[in-house]
Amino acid sequence: MINCGDRITLLREHYGFTQEELAHKLGISRSALSHYEKNRRTPDYETLINLADLFQVSVDYMFGRTKHNEREHLA
């Protein structure tokens, strides 16, 4: 089962962002992002919403509750 950290990593890489670039866009530290990607921490609500908005996916997709992101689902 895929988890939130895995989704963040996959989406970040798909969009071609470094950890530093994505962290800057989210207004968090690179080390915080690294903890999220390695599943050592879970993003807070605001960060999770910002991630979902940035990548144009649902929060359910971020948490692995659905296999389809919104773009795939609506296409």
C-alpha atoms as a PDB file:
ATOM      1  CA  MET A   1       0.000   0.000   0.000  1.00  0.00           C
ATOM      2  CA  ILE A   2       1.322   3.413  -0.947  1.00  0.00           C
ATOM      3  CA  ASN A   3       1.458   6.055   1.754  1.00  0.00           C
ATOM      4  CA  CYS A   4       1.569   9.842   1.865  1.00  0.00           C
ATOM      5  CA  GLY A   5       5.365  10.099   1.856  1.00  0.00           C
ATOM      6  CA  ASP A   6       5.609   7.886  -1.202  1.00  0.00           C
ATOM      7  CA  ARG A   7       3.030  10.023  -3.012  1.00  0.00           C
ATOM      8  CA  ILE A   8       4.901  13.213  -2.190  1.00  0.00           C
ATOM      9  CA  THR A   9       8.123  11.750  -3.559  1.00  0.00           C
ATOM     10  CA  LEU A  10       6.456  10.428  -6.719  1.00  0.00           C
ATOM     11  CA  LEU A  11       4.683  13.714  -7.419  1.00  0.00           C
ATOM     12  CA  ARG A  12       7.759  15.814  -6.671  1.00  0.00           C
ATOM     13  CA  GLU A  13       9.858  13.751  -9.053  1.00  0.00           C
ATOM     14  CA  HIS A  14       7.109  13.712 -11.708  1.00  0.00           C
ATOM     15  CA  TYR A  15       7.015  17.506 -11.655  1.00  0.00           C
ATOM     16  CA  GLY A  16      10.822  17.704 -11.654  1.00  0.00           C
ATOM     17  CA  PHE A  17      11.216  19.530  -8.340  1.00  0.00           C
ATOM     18  CA  THR A  18      14.148  19.070  -6.027  1.00  0.00           C
ATOM     19  CA  GLN A  19      13.364  18.773  -2.339  1.00  0.00           C
ATOM     20  CA  GLU A  20      14.716  22.300  -1.895  1.00  0.00           C
ATOM     21  CA  GLU A  21      12.447  23.710  -4.617  1.00  0.00           C
ATOM     22  CA  LEU A  22       9.317  21.989  -3.326  1.00  0.00           C
ATOM     23  CA  ALA A  23      10.047  22.963   0.263  1.00  0.00           C
ATOM     24  CA  HIS A  24      10.441  26.589  -0.833  1.00  0.00           C
ATOM     25  CA  LYS A  25       7.104  26.490  -2.700  1.00  0.00           C
ATOM     26  CA  LEU A  26       5.418  25.096   0.416  1.00  0.00           C
ATOM     27  CA  GLY A  27       7.133  27.460   2.849  1.00  0.00           C
ATOM     28  CA  ILE A  28       8.680  24.632   4.855  1.00  0.00           C
ATOM     29  CA  SER A  29      12.246  23.471   5.422  1.00  0.00           C
ATOM     30  CA  ARG A  30      13.881  20.897   3.194  1.00  0.00           C
ATOM     31  CA  SER A  31      14.444  18.713   6.250  1.00  0.00           C
ATOM     32  CA  ALA A  32      10.708  18.770   7.079  1.00  0.00           C
ATOM     33  CA  LEU A  33       9.934  17.690   3.514  1.00  0.00           C
ATOM     34  CA  SER A  34      12.507  14.927   3.785  1.00  0.00           C
ATOM     35  CA  HIS A  35      10.811  13.675   6.972  1.00  0.00           C
ATOM     36  CA  TYR A  36       7.455  13.627   5.146  1.00  0.00           C
ATOM     37  CA  GLU A  37       8.895  11.731   2.182  1.00  0.00           C
ATOM     38  CA  LYS A  38      10.515   9.157   4.466  1.00  0.00           C
ATOM     39  CA  ASN A  39       7.287   8.789   6.471  1.00  0.00           C
ATOM     40  CA  ARG A  40       8.933   9.904   9.684  1.00  0.00           C
ATOM     41  CA  ARG A  41       6.314  12.652  10.013  1.00  0.00           C
ATOM     42  CA  THR A  42       2.911  13.369   8.528  1.00  0.00           C
ATOM     43  CA  PRO A  43       2.316  16.790   6.970  1.00  0.00           C
ATOM     44  CA  ASP A  44       0.023  19.090   8.914  1.00  0.00           C
ATOM     45  CA  TYR A  45      -3.362  19.936   7.421  1.00  0.00           C
ATOM     46  CA  GLU A  46      -2.244  23.197   5.794  1.00  0.00           C
ATOM     47  CA  THR A  47       0.817  21.607   4.186  1.00  0.00           C
ATOM     48  CA  LEU A  48      -1.234  18.656   2.975  1.00  0.00           C
ATOM     49  CA  ILE A  49      -3.771  20.980   1.340  1.00  0.00           C
ATOM     50  CA  ASN A  50      -0.947  22.999  -0.235  1.00  0.00           C
ATOM     51  CA  LEU A  51       0.601  19.818  -1.641  1.00  0.00           C
ATOM     52  CA  ALA A  52      -2.723  18.628  -3.057  1.00  0.00           C
ATOM     53  CA  ASP A  53      -3.389  22.050  -4.601  1.00  0.00           C
ATOM     54  CA  LEU A  54       0.100  22.350  -6.061  1.00  0.00           C
ATOM     55  CA  PHE A  55      -0.041  18.911  -7.658  1.00  0.00           C
ATOM     56  CA  GLN A  56      -3.761  19.184  -8.524  1.00  0.00           C
ATOM     57  CA  VAL A  57      -4.708  15.978  -6.758  1.00  0.00           C
ATOM     58  CA  SER A  58      -7.140  15.120  -3.979  1.00  0.00           C
ATOM     59  CA  VAL A  59      -6.185  14.676  -0.344  1.00  0.00           C
ATOM     60  CA  ASP A  60      -7.462  11.087  -0.671  1.00  0.00           C
ATOM     61  CA  TYR A  61      -4.905  10.546  -3.438  1.00  0.00           C
ATOM     62  CA  MET A  62      -2.159  11.999  -1.233  1.00  0.00           C
ATOM     63  CA  PHE A  63      -3.030   9.482   1.494  1.00  0.00           C
ATOM     64  CA  GLY A  64      -3.236   6.547  -0.905  1.00  0.00           C
ATOM     65  CA  ARG A  65      -6.981   6.124  -0.410  1.00  0.00           C
ATOM     66  CA  THR A  66      -7.497   6.245  -4.167  1.00  0.00           C
ATOM     67  CA  LYS A  67      -5.220   5.166  -6.998  1.00  0.00           C
ATOM     68  CA  HIS A  68      -6.382   7.894  -9.372  1.00  0.00           C
ATOM     69  CA  ASN A  69      -5.435  11.511  -9.184  1.00  0.00           C
ATOM     70  CA  GLU A  70      -8.093  14.030 -10.151  1.00  0.00           C
ATOM     71  CA  ARG A  71      -6.670  14.631 -13.618  1.00  0.00           C
ATOM     72  CA  GLU A  72      -6.848  10.921 -14.454  1.00  0.00           C
ATOM     73  CA  HIS A  73     -10.292  10.603 -12.920  1.00  0.00           C
ATOM     74  CA  LEU A  74     -11.737  13.556 -14.835  1.00  0.00           C
ATOM     75  CA  ALA A  75     -10.119  12.663 -18.165  1.00  0.00           C
END
